[in-house]
Amino acid sequence: MNWDRIEGDWKKVKGTVRERWGRLSDDHLERIAGTRDLLVGGIQQSYGIAREEAERQVMAWEMRNAFLDTGQRNAKTESSDRHCSAAGGIAPSQ
């Protein structure tokens, strides 16, 4: 993931960060400002976990949110969104 791009789009991206790590305060999010190392440290502090676990969680988040790196959503996500909308907000089971 291109963290320079994340830093530049932080106001947009921090919503997905907040969804994943709800214990991060507004103050944490402002200090993090798109810096990966500060995100890992904030997660470690807020959740009382080892740095390695915080790193693992951020890596998993990066993989799930790869579309943030390109500024586009992947076809699978878009397809799922279309199915979800067609089903009245409930994605069909696969």
C-alpha atoms as a PDB file:
ATOM      1  CA  MET A   1       0.000   0.000   0.000  1.00  0.00           C
ATOM      2  CA  ASN A   2       1.292   3.452  -0.865  1.00  0.00           C
ATOM      3  CA  TRP A   3       1.326   5.291   2.448  1.00  0.00           C
ATOM      4  CA  ASP A   4       2.324   8.568   0.778  1.00  0.00           C
ATOM      5  CA  ARG A   5      -1.015   8.437  -1.004  1.00  0.00           C
ATOM      6  CA  ILE A   6      -2.808   7.423   2.208  1.00  0.00           C
ATOM      7  CA  GLU A   7      -1.241  10.383   3.986  1.00  0.00           C
ATOM      8  CA  GLY A   8      -2.453  12.727   1.260  1.00  0.00           C
ATOM      9  CA  ASP A   9      -5.988  11.298   1.394  1.00  0.00           C
ATOM     10  CA  TRP A  10      -6.057  10.829   5.169  1.00  0.00           C
ATOM     11  CA  LYS A  11      -9.334  12.693   5.686  1.00  0.00           C
ATOM     12  CA  LYS A  12     -11.052  10.138   3.418  1.00  0.00           C
ATOM     13  CA  VAL A  13      -9.154   7.088   4.677  1.00  0.00           C
ATOM     14  CA  LYS A  14      -9.496   7.674   8.397  1.00  0.00           C
ATOM     15  CA  GLY A  15     -13.154   6.648   8.215  1.00  0.00           C
ATOM     16  CA  THR A  16     -12.150   3.115   7.235  1.00  0.00           C
ATOM     17  CA  VAL A  17      -9.508   3.159   9.975  1.00  0.00           C
ATOM     18  CA  ARG A  18     -12.124   4.233  12.521  1.00  0.00           C
ATOM     19  CA  GLU A  19     -14.476   1.443  11.359  1.00  0.00           C
ATOM     20  CA  ARG A  20     -11.751  -1.131  11.957  1.00  0.00           C
ATOM     21  CA  TRP A  21     -10.220   0.296  15.149  1.00  0.00           C
ATOM     22  CA  GLY A  22     -13.026   2.114  16.918  1.00  0.00           C
ATOM     23  CA  ARG A  23     -10.997   2.666  20.083  1.00  0.00           C
ATOM     24  CA  LEU A  24      -8.705   5.125  18.299  1.00  0.00           C
ATOM     25  CA  SER A  25      -9.704   8.583  19.481  1.00  0.00           C
ATOM     26  CA  ASP A  26     -10.064  11.634  17.261  1.00  0.00           C
ATOM     27  CA  ASP A  27      -6.827  12.846  18.815  1.00  0.00           C
ATOM     28  CA  HIS A  28      -5.058   9.610  17.817  1.00  0.00           C
ATOM     29  CA  LEU A  29      -6.374   9.883  14.275  1.00  0.00           C
ATOM     30  CA  GLU A  30      -5.216  13.484  13.956  1.00  0.00           C
ATOM     31  CA  ARG A  31      -1.718  12.584  15.201  1.00  0.00           C
ATOM     32  CA  ILE A  32      -1.508   9.506  12.946  1.00  0.00           C
ATOM     33  CA  ALA A  33      -2.299  11.648   9.879  1.00  0.00           C
ATOM     34  CA  GLY A  34      -1.692   8.765   7.471  1.00  0.00           C
ATOM     35  CA  THR A  35       1.632   7.600   8.941  1.00  0.00           C
ATOM     36  CA  ARG A  36       1.715   3.799   9.095  1.00  0.00           C
ATOM     37  CA  ASP A  37       4.104   3.575  12.046  1.00  0.00           C
ATOM     38  CA  LEU A  38       1.948   5.945  14.084  1.00  0.00           C
ATOM     39  CA  LEU A  39      -1.144   3.894  13.201  1.00  0.00           C
ATOM     40  CA  VAL A  40       0.539   0.719  14.450  1.00  0.00           C
ATOM     41  CA  GLY A  41       1.601   2.502  17.648  1.00  0.00           C
ATOM     42  CA  GLY A  42      -1.867   3.927  18.211  1.00  0.00           C
ATOM     43  CA  ILE A  43      -3.463   0.504  17.817  1.00  0.00           C
ATOM     44  CA  GLN A  44      -0.892  -1.026  20.145  1.00  0.00           C
ATOM     45  CA  GLN A  45      -1.581   1.619  22.793  1.00  0.00           C
ATOM     46  CA  SER A  46      -5.379   1.738  22.447  1.00  0.00           C
ATOM     47  CA  TYR A  47      -5.847  -2.015  22.474  1.00  0.00           C
ATOM     48  CA  GLY A  48      -2.995  -2.976  24.825  1.00  0.00           C
ATOM     49  CA  ILE A  49      -1.532  -5.469  22.352  1.00  0.00           C
ATOM     50  CA  ALA A  50       1.991  -6.329  21.265  1.00  0.00           C
ATOM     51  CA  ARG A  51       3.486  -4.333  18.397  1.00  0.00           C
ATOM     52  CA  GLU A  52       3.691  -7.527  16.305  1.00  0.00           C
ATOM     53  CA  GLU A  53      -0.064  -8.055  16.678  1.00  0.00           C
ATOM     54  CA  ALA A  54      -0.765  -4.432  15.752  1.00  0.00           C
ATOM     55  CA  GLU A  55       1.482  -4.858  12.677  1.00  0.00           C
ATOM     56  CA  ARG A  56      -0.418  -8.019  11.727  1.00  0.00           C
ATOM     57  CA  GLN A  57      -3.738  -6.223  12.001  1.00  0.00           C
ATOM     58  CA  VAL A  58      -2.546  -3.310   9.865  1.00  0.00           C
ATOM     59  CA  MET A  59      -1.180  -5.699   7.219  1.00  0.00           C
ATOM     60  CA  ALA A  60      -4.536  -7.515   7.091  1.00  0.00           C
ATOM     61  CA  TRP A  61      -6.350  -4.157   6.820  1.00  0.00           C
ATOM     62  CA  GLU A  62      -4.025  -3.120   3.994  1.00  0.00           C
ATOM     63  CA  MET A  63      -4.838  -6.285   2.071  1.00  0.00           C
ATOM     64  CA  ARG A  64      -8.604  -5.849   2.518  1.00  0.00           C
ATOM     65  CA  ASN A  65      -8.423  -2.190   1.516  1.00  0.00           C
ATOM     66  CA  ALA A  66      -6.025  -2.415  -1.418  1.00  0.00           C
ATOM     67  CA  PHE A  67      -8.450  -0.297  -3.477  1.00  0.00           C
ATOM     68  CA  LEU A  68      -7.395   2.683  -1.334  1.00  0.00           C
ATOM     69  CA  ASP A  69      -3.945   2.461  -2.904  1.00  0.00           C
ATOM     70  CA  THR A  70      -5.234   2.910  -6.444  1.00  0.00           C
ATOM     71  CA  GLY A  71      -8.139   5.159  -5.623  1.00  0.00           C
ATOM     72  CA  GLN A  72     -10.484   2.597  -7.167  1.00  0.00           C
ATOM     73  CA  ARG A  73     -12.491  -0.268  -5.841  1.00  0.00           C
ATOM     74  CA  ASN A  74     -11.870  -3.729  -7.161  1.00  0.00           C
ATOM     75  CA  ALA A  75     -14.403  -5.545  -9.337  1.00  0.00           C
ATOM     76  CA  LYS A  76     -15.331  -8.045  -6.620  1.00  0.00           C
ATOM     77  CA  THR A  77     -16.187  -5.247  -4.167  1.00  0.00           C
ATOM     78  CA  GLU A  78     -18.208  -3.395  -6.791  1.00  0.00           C
ATOM     79  CA  SER A  79     -20.052  -6.585  -7.748  1.00  0.00           C
ATOM     80  CA  SER A  80     -20.827  -7.292  -4.102  1.00  0.00           C
ATOM     81  CA  ASP A  81     -22.086  -3.729  -3.666  1.00  0.00           C
ATOM     82  CA  ARG A  82     -24.418  -4.135  -6.665  1.00  0.00           C
ATOM     83  CA  HIS A  83     -25.794  -7.399  -5.252  1.00  0.00           C
ATOM     84  CA  CYS A  84     -26.217  -5.795  -1.868  1.00  0.00           C
ATOM     85  CA  SER A  85     -28.149  -2.859  -3.335  1.00  0.00           C
ATOM     86  CA  ALA A  86     -30.331  -5.148  -5.465  1.00  0.00           C
ATOM     87  CA  ALA A  87     -31.150  -7.247  -2.401  1.00  0.00           C
ATOM     88  CA  GLY A  88     -32.276  -4.252  -0.396  1.00  0.00           C
ATOM     89  CA  GLY A  89     -29.000  -3.837   1.482  1.00  0.00           C
ATOM     90  CA  ILE A  90     -28.385  -7.481   2.271  1.00  0.00           C
ATOM     91  CA  ALA A  91     -25.632  -9.226   0.362  1.00  0.00           C
ATOM     92  CA  PRO A  92     -26.660 -12.693  -0.854  1.00  0.00           C
ATOM     93  CA  SER A  93     -24.844 -15.647   0.659  1.00  0.00           C
ATOM     94  CA  GLN A  94     -22.311 -17.311  -1.599  1.00  0.00           C
END
